Structure formats: structure tokens, C-alpha cells
PDB file of N, CA and C in Angstrom:
ATOM      1  N   MET A   1     -22.687  36.767  -8.307  1.00  0.00           N
ATOM      2  CA  MET A   1     -21.150  37.639  -8.274  1.00  0.00           C
ATOM      3  C   MET A   1     -21.335  37.390  -6.218  1.00  0.00           C
ATOM      4  N   LYS A   2     -22.664  38.065  -6.364  1.00  0.00           N
ATOM      5  CA  LYS A   2     -22.679  37.777  -4.730  1.00  0.00           C
ATOM      6  C   LYS A   2     -22.293  36.433  -4.113  1.00  0.00           C
ATOM      7  N   ARG A   3     -22.391  35.264  -4.592  1.00  0.00           N
ATOM      8  CA  ARG A   3     -22.560  34.341  -3.754  1.00  0.00           C
ATOM      9  C   ARG A   3     -20.652  33.734  -3.734  1.00  0.00           C
ATOM     10  N   ILE A   4     -20.127  34.494  -4.896  1.00  0.00           N
ATOM     11  CA  ILE A   4     -18.901  34.438  -4.929  1.00  0.00           C
ATOM     12  C   ILE A   4     -17.954  34.800  -3.845  1.00  0.00           C
ATOM     13  N   LEU A   5     -18.456  35.748  -4.010  1.00  0.00           N
ATOM     14  CA  LEU A   5     -17.734  37.022  -2.574  1.00  0.00           C
ATOM     15  C   LEU A   5     -18.087  36.302  -1.431  1.00  0.00           C
ATOM     16  N   ALA A   6     -19.169  35.905  -1.036  1.00  0.00           N
ATOM     17  CA  ALA A   6     -19.649  35.135   0.111  1.00  0.00           C
ATOM     18  C   ALA A   6     -19.015  34.037   0.378  1.00  0.00           C
ATOM     19  N   ILE A   7     -18.532  33.196  -0.336  1.00  0.00           N
ATOM     20  CA  ILE A   7     -17.889  31.902  -0.533  1.00  0.00           C
ATOM     21  C   ILE A   7     -16.043  32.279  -0.195  1.00  0.00           C
ATOM     22  N   ALA A   8     -15.753  32.957  -0.964  1.00  0.00           N
ATOM     23  CA  ALA A   8     -14.354  33.347  -0.681  1.00  0.00           C
ATOM     24  C   ALA A   8     -13.773  33.200  -0.040  1.00  0.00           C
ATOM     25  N   PRO A   9     -14.237  33.729   1.256  1.00  0.00           N
ATOM     26  CA  PRO A   9     -13.928  34.004   2.548  1.00  0.00           C
ATOM     27  C   PRO A   9     -13.113  31.945   2.830  1.00  0.00           C
ATOM     28  N   TYR A  10     -14.917  31.682   2.187  1.00  0.00           N
ATOM     29  CA  TYR A  10     -14.311  30.107   3.630  1.00  0.00           C
ATOM     30  C   TYR A  10     -13.331  28.977   2.072  1.00  0.00           C
ATOM     31  N   LEU A  11     -13.579  29.138   1.410  1.00  0.00           N
ATOM     32  CA  LEU A  11     -12.473  29.115   0.139  1.00  0.00           C
ATOM     33  C   LEU A  11     -11.098  29.008   0.926  1.00  0.00           C
ATOM     34  N   ALA A  12     -10.690  30.617   1.172  1.00  0.00           N
ATOM     35  CA  ALA A  12      -9.520  30.759   1.694  1.00  0.00           C
ATOM     36  C   ALA A  12      -8.918  30.375   2.624  1.00  0.00           C
ATOM     37  N   LEU A  13     -10.225  30.192   3.470  1.00  0.00           N
ATOM     38  CA  LEU A  13      -9.342  28.986   4.618  1.00  0.00           C
ATOM     39  C   LEU A  13      -9.402  27.950   4.467  1.00  0.00           C
ATOM     40  N   THR A  14      -9.881  26.745   3.646  1.00  0.00           N
ATOM     41  CA  THR A  14      -9.688  26.025   3.130  1.00  0.00           C
ATOM     42  C   THR A  14      -8.836  25.294   2.228  1.00  0.00           C
ATOM     43  N   LEU A  15      -8.273  25.851   1.458  1.00  0.00           N
ATOM     44  CA  LEU A  15      -7.373  25.693   0.424  1.00  0.00           C
ATOM     45  C   LEU A  15      -6.332  25.251   1.005  1.00  0.00           C
ATOM     46  N   PRO A  16      -5.639  26.161   1.672  1.00  0.00           N
ATOM     47  CA  PRO A  16      -4.044  25.844   2.243  1.00  0.00           C
ATOM     48  C   PRO A  16      -4.259  24.703   3.167  1.00  0.00           C
ATOM     49  N   THR A  17      -4.935  24.220   3.423  1.00  0.00           N
ATOM     50  CA  THR A  17      -4.973  22.659   4.713  1.00  0.00           C
ATOM     51  C   THR A  17      -4.512  21.483   3.884  1.00  0.00           C
ATOM     52  N   THR A  18      -5.251  21.838   2.321  1.00  0.00           N
ATOM     53  CA  THR A  18      -4.725  21.049   2.108  1.00  0.00           C
ATOM     54  C   THR A  18      -3.124  20.592   1.248  1.00  0.00           C
ATOM     55  N   ALA A  19      -2.820  21.939   1.480  1.00  0.00           N
ATOM     56  CA  ALA A  19      -1.057  22.101   1.173  1.00  0.00           C
ATOM     57  C   ALA A  19      -0.118  21.038   2.259  1.00  0.00           C
ATOM     58  N   LEU A  20      -1.085  21.107   3.538  1.00  0.00           N
ATOM     59  CA  LEU A  20      -0.475  20.620   4.512  1.00  0.00           C
ATOM     60  C   LEU A  20      -0.271  19.015   4.588  1.00  0.00           C
ATOM     61  N   ALA A  21      -0.844  18.643   3.594  1.00  0.00           N
ATOM     62  CA  ALA A  21      -1.485  17.335   4.003  1.00  0.00           C
ATOM     63  C   ALA A  21       0.320  16.506   4.022  1.00  0.00           C
ATOM     64  N   GLU A  22       0.141  15.271   4.540  1.00  0.00           N
ATOM     65  CA  GLU A  22       1.239  14.273   4.318  1.00  0.00           C
ATOM     66  C   GLU A  22       1.436  13.473   3.009  1.00  0.00           C
ATOM     67  N   ALA A  23       2.841  12.989   2.724  1.00  0.00           N
ATOM     68  CA  ALA A  23       3.043  12.714   1.373  1.00  0.00           C
ATOM     69  C   ALA A  23       2.266  11.085   1.545  1.00  0.00           C
ATOM     70  N   PHE A  24       2.194  10.600   0.829  1.00  0.00           N
ATOM     71  CA  PHE A  24       1.175   9.234   0.930  1.00  0.00           C
ATOM     72  C   PHE A  24       2.641   8.139   1.136  1.00  0.00           C
ATOM     73  N   GLU A  25       2.498   7.243   2.219  1.00  0.00           N
ATOM     74  CA  GLU A  25       3.567   6.219   2.466  1.00  0.00           C
ATOM     75  C   GLU A  25       2.480   4.961   2.045  1.00  0.00           C
ATOM     76  N   ARG A  26       3.273   4.242   1.531  1.00  0.00           N
ATOM     77  CA  ARG A  26       2.961   3.072   1.191  1.00  0.00           C
ATOM     78  C   ARG A  26       2.957   1.978   2.084  1.00  0.00           C
ATOM     79  N   PRO A  27       2.093   1.435   2.329  1.00  0.00           N
ATOM     80  CA  PRO A  27       1.851   0.153   3.345  1.00  0.00           C
ATOM     81  C   PRO A  27       2.718  -1.017   3.052  1.00  0.00           C
ATOM     82  N   ILE A  28       3.583  -1.442   4.041  1.00  0.00           N
ATOM     83  CA  ILE A  28       4.557  -2.854   3.732  1.00  0.00           C
ATOM     84  C   ILE A  28       3.268  -3.937   3.946  1.00  0.00           C
ATOM     85  N   PRO A  29       3.608  -4.879   2.990  1.00  0.00           N
ATOM     86  CA  PRO A  29       2.676  -6.227   2.748  1.00  0.00           C
ATOM     87  C   PRO A  29       3.291  -6.895   4.665  1.00  0.00           C
ATOM     88  N   GLN A  30       2.386  -7.189   5.298  1.00  0.00           N
ATOM     89  CA  GLN A  30       2.833  -8.490   5.803  1.00  0.00           C
ATOM     90  C   GLN A  30       2.804 -10.168   5.892  1.00  0.00           C
ATOM     91  N   PRO A  31       3.884 -10.681   6.461  1.00  0.00           N
ATOM     92  CA  PRO A  31       3.412 -11.856   5.780  1.00  0.00           C
ATOM     93  C   PRO A  31       2.237 -12.430   6.390  1.00  0.00           C
ATOM     94  N   GLN A  32       2.164 -13.753   5.566  1.00  0.00           N
ATOM     95  CA  GLN A  32       0.759 -14.902   5.895  1.00  0.00           C
ATOM     96  C   GLN A  32       1.464 -15.695   7.035  1.00  0.00           C
ATOM     97  N   THR A  33       0.557 -15.594   8.387  1.00  0.00           N
ATOM     98  CA  THR A  33       0.762 -16.619   9.545  1.00  0.00           C
ATOM     99  C   THR A  33       0.281 -18.121   9.088  1.00  0.00           C
ATOM    100  N   HIS A  34       1.016 -18.437   9.904  1.00  0.00           N
ATOM    101  CA  HIS A  34       0.215 -20.323   9.847  1.00  0.00           C
ATOM    102  C   HIS A  34      -1.207 -20.076  10.442  1.00  0.00           C
ATOM    103  N   VAL A  35      -1.976 -19.735  11.191  1.00  0.00           N
ATOM    104  CA  VAL A  35      -3.409 -19.462  11.632  1.00  0.00           C
ATOM    105  C   VAL A  35      -4.128 -19.144  10.333  1.00  0.00           C
ATOM    106  N   ALA A  36      -3.519 -17.917   9.504  1.00  0.00           N
ATOM    107  CA  ALA A  36      -3.681 -17.150   8.139  1.00  0.00           C
ATOM    108  C   ALA A  36      -4.366 -18.365   7.098  1.00  0.00           C
ATOM    109  N   GLU A  37      -2.968 -19.059   7.695  1.00  0.00           N
ATOM    110  CA  GLU A  37      -2.842 -19.575   6.097  1.00  0.00           C
ATOM    111  C   GLU A  37      -3.896 -21.487   6.415  1.00  0.00           C
ATOM    112  N   PHE A  38      -3.916 -21.640   8.247  1.00  0.00           N
ATOM    113  CA  PHE A  38      -4.701 -22.631   8.392  1.00  0.00           C
ATOM    114  C   PHE A  38      -6.703 -22.383   7.737  1.00  0.00           C
ATOM    115  N   TRP A  39      -6.762 -21.364   8.194  1.00  0.00           N
ATOM    116  CA  TRP A  39      -8.072 -20.557   7.994  1.00  0.00           C
ATOM    117  C   TRP A  39      -8.672 -20.733   6.438  1.00  0.00           C
ATOM    118  N   PHE A  40      -7.911 -20.399   5.518  1.00  0.00           N
ATOM    119  CA  PHE A  40      -7.888 -19.917   4.045  1.00  0.00           C
ATOM    120  C   PHE A  40      -7.878 -21.617   3.206  1.00  0.00           C
ATOM    121  N   LEU A  41      -7.099 -22.413   4.245  1.00  0.00           N
ATOM    122  CA  LEU A  41      -7.292 -23.995   3.689  1.00  0.00           C
ATOM    123  C   LEU A  41      -8.452 -24.109   3.861  1.00  0.00           C
ATOM    124  N   VAL A  42      -8.981 -23.860   4.816  1.00  0.00           N
ATOM    125  CA  VAL A  42     -10.319 -24.601   5.542  1.00  0.00           C
ATOM    126  C   VAL A  42     -11.450 -24.031   4.332  1.00  0.00           C
ATOM    127  N   GLY A  43     -11.021 -22.459   4.653  1.00  0.00           N
ATOM    128  CA  GLY A  43     -12.243 -22.248   3.617  1.00  0.00           C
ATOM    129  C   GLY A  43     -11.815 -22.630   1.979  1.00  0.00           C
ATOM    130  N   SER A  44     -11.090 -22.571   1.668  1.00  0.00           N
ATOM    131  CA  SER A  44     -10.659 -23.405   0.216  1.00  0.00           C
ATOM    132  C   SER A  44     -11.503 -24.830   0.056  1.00  0.00           C
ATOM    133  N   VAL A  45     -11.318 -25.395   1.456  1.00  0.00           N
ATOM    134  CA  VAL A  45     -12.083 -27.099   0.991  1.00  0.00           C
ATOM    135  C   VAL A  45     -13.625 -26.520   1.365  1.00  0.00           C
ATOM    136  N   ALA A  46     -14.019 -25.660   2.366  1.00  0.00           N
ATOM    137  CA  ALA A  46     -15.713 -26.001   1.745  1.00  0.00           C
ATOM    138  C   ALA A  46     -16.000 -25.256   0.790  1.00  0.00           C
ATOM    139  N   LEU A  47     -14.953 -24.781   0.308  1.00  0.00           N
ATOM    140  CA  LEU A  47     -15.798 -24.180  -1.112  1.00  0.00           C
ATOM    141  C   LEU A  47     -15.815 -24.988  -2.109  1.00  0.00           C
ATOM    142  N   VAL A  48     -15.187 -25.819  -2.446  1.00  0.00           N
ATOM    143  CA  VAL A  48     -14.692 -27.555  -3.068  1.00  0.00           C
ATOM    144  C   VAL A  48     -16.288 -28.226  -2.615  1.00  0.00           C
ATOM    145  N   LEU A  49     -15.926 -28.356  -1.860  1.00  0.00           N
ATOM    146  CA  LEU A  49     -17.146 -29.378  -1.130  1.00  0.00           C
ATOM    147  C   LEU A  49     -19.046 -28.794  -1.546  1.00  0.00           C
ATOM    148  N   SER A  50     -18.510 -27.122  -1.392  1.00  0.00           N
ATOM    149  CA  SER A  50     -19.865 -26.746  -1.618  1.00  0.00           C
ATOM    150  C   SER A  50     -20.049 -27.024  -3.009  1.00  0.00           C
ATOM    151  N   LEU A  51     -18.962 -27.117  -4.012  1.00  0.00           N
ATOM    152  CA  LEU A  51     -19.616 -26.860  -5.631  1.00  0.00           C
ATOM    153  C   LEU A  51     -20.106 -27.881  -5.815  1.00  0.00           C
ATOM    154  N   VAL A  52     -18.834 -29.555  -4.763  1.00  0.00           N
ATOM    155  CA  VAL A  52     -19.448 -30.780  -5.325  1.00  0.00           C
ATOM    156  C   VAL A  52     -20.699 -30.865  -4.769  1.00  0.00           C
ATOM    157  N   ALA A  53     -21.865 -30.670  -3.529  1.00  0.00           N
ATOM    158  CA  ALA A  53     -22.833 -31.024  -3.123  1.00  0.00           C
ATOM    159  C   ALA A  53     -23.689 -30.143  -4.533  1.00  0.00           C
ATOM    160  N   VAL A  54     -23.188 -28.658  -4.940  1.00  0.00           N
ATOM    161  CA  VAL A  54     -24.398 -28.562  -6.133  1.00  0.00           C
ATOM    162  C   VAL A  54     -23.993 -28.998  -6.843  1.00  0.00           C
ATOM    163  N   GLN A  55     -22.763 -29.844  -7.549  1.00  0.00           N
ATOM    164  CA  GLN A  55     -22.852 -29.994  -8.809  1.00  0.00           C
ATOM    165  C   GLN A  55     -23.917 -32.027  -8.242  1.00  0.00           C
ATOM    166  N   MET A  56     -23.743 -32.273  -7.451  1.00  0.00           N
ATOM    167  CA  MET A  56     -24.471 -33.214  -7.261  1.00  0.00           C
ATOM    168  C   MET A  56     -25.948 -33.484  -7.219  1.00  0.00           C
ATOM    169  N   LEU A  57     -25.965 -31.752  -6.229  1.00  0.00           N
ATOM    170  CA  LEU A  57     -27.450 -31.985  -6.570  1.00  0.00           C
ATOM    171  C   LEU A  57     -28.640 -31.381  -8.007  1.00  0.00           C
ATOM    172  N   VAL A  58     -27.565 -30.769  -8.649  1.00  0.00           N
ATOM    173  CA  VAL A  58     -28.543 -30.042 -10.229  1.00  0.00           C
ATOM    174  C   VAL A  58     -27.893 -31.162 -10.800  1.00  0.00           C
ATOM    175  N   SER A  59     -27.077 -32.314 -10.735  1.00  0.00           N
ATOM    176  CA  SER A  59     -26.696 -32.956 -11.954  1.00  0.00           C
ATOM    177  C   SER A  59     -28.114 -33.822 -12.462  1.00  0.00           C
ATOM    178  N   ARG A  60     -28.098 -34.095 -13.860  1.00  0.00           N
ATOM    179  CA  ARG A  60     -28.996 -34.705 -14.336  1.00  0.00           C
ATOM    180  C   ARG A  60     -29.219 -36.195 -14.412  1.00  0.00           C
ATOM    181  N   ARG A  61     -29.571 -36.988 -14.449  1.00  0.00           N
ATOM    182  CA  ARG A  61     -29.346 -39.031 -14.319  1.00  0.00           C
ATOM    183  C   ARG A  61     -30.275 -39.269 -15.038  1.00  0.00           C
TER     184      ARG A  61
END
């Protein structure tokens, strides 16, 4: 019981601060830029080439 009474002032100070929090604002999605699309294409091609290389390395002949 003594612990609860010792913690009570700290709880009384911290609980009202959560009521002052701002409402959640949803982020607005940004459009893709040409640079981002280019690097996505480069990454996609690199992924496909690496998959082909792995297939060639592990294929049984």
C-alpha cells in the first residue's frame, strides 16, 4: 500500500499529459518520381538477373 501511495503523485502528473496529445493525422502519399521509378526498374532487373544466375549455377545437367 505504501508503494501505491508513493507512486500516486507521479501517476497524477503523467496521466493528464496523454489527454493533451494531438489527434492522429493520416500521412498523404507522395507520387512516385521518375528517378524513383528508374531505380525501381534497375533493382527489378538486377533481381531477375540474379535469379537467372542462381538458376544456372544450381541447375543439374
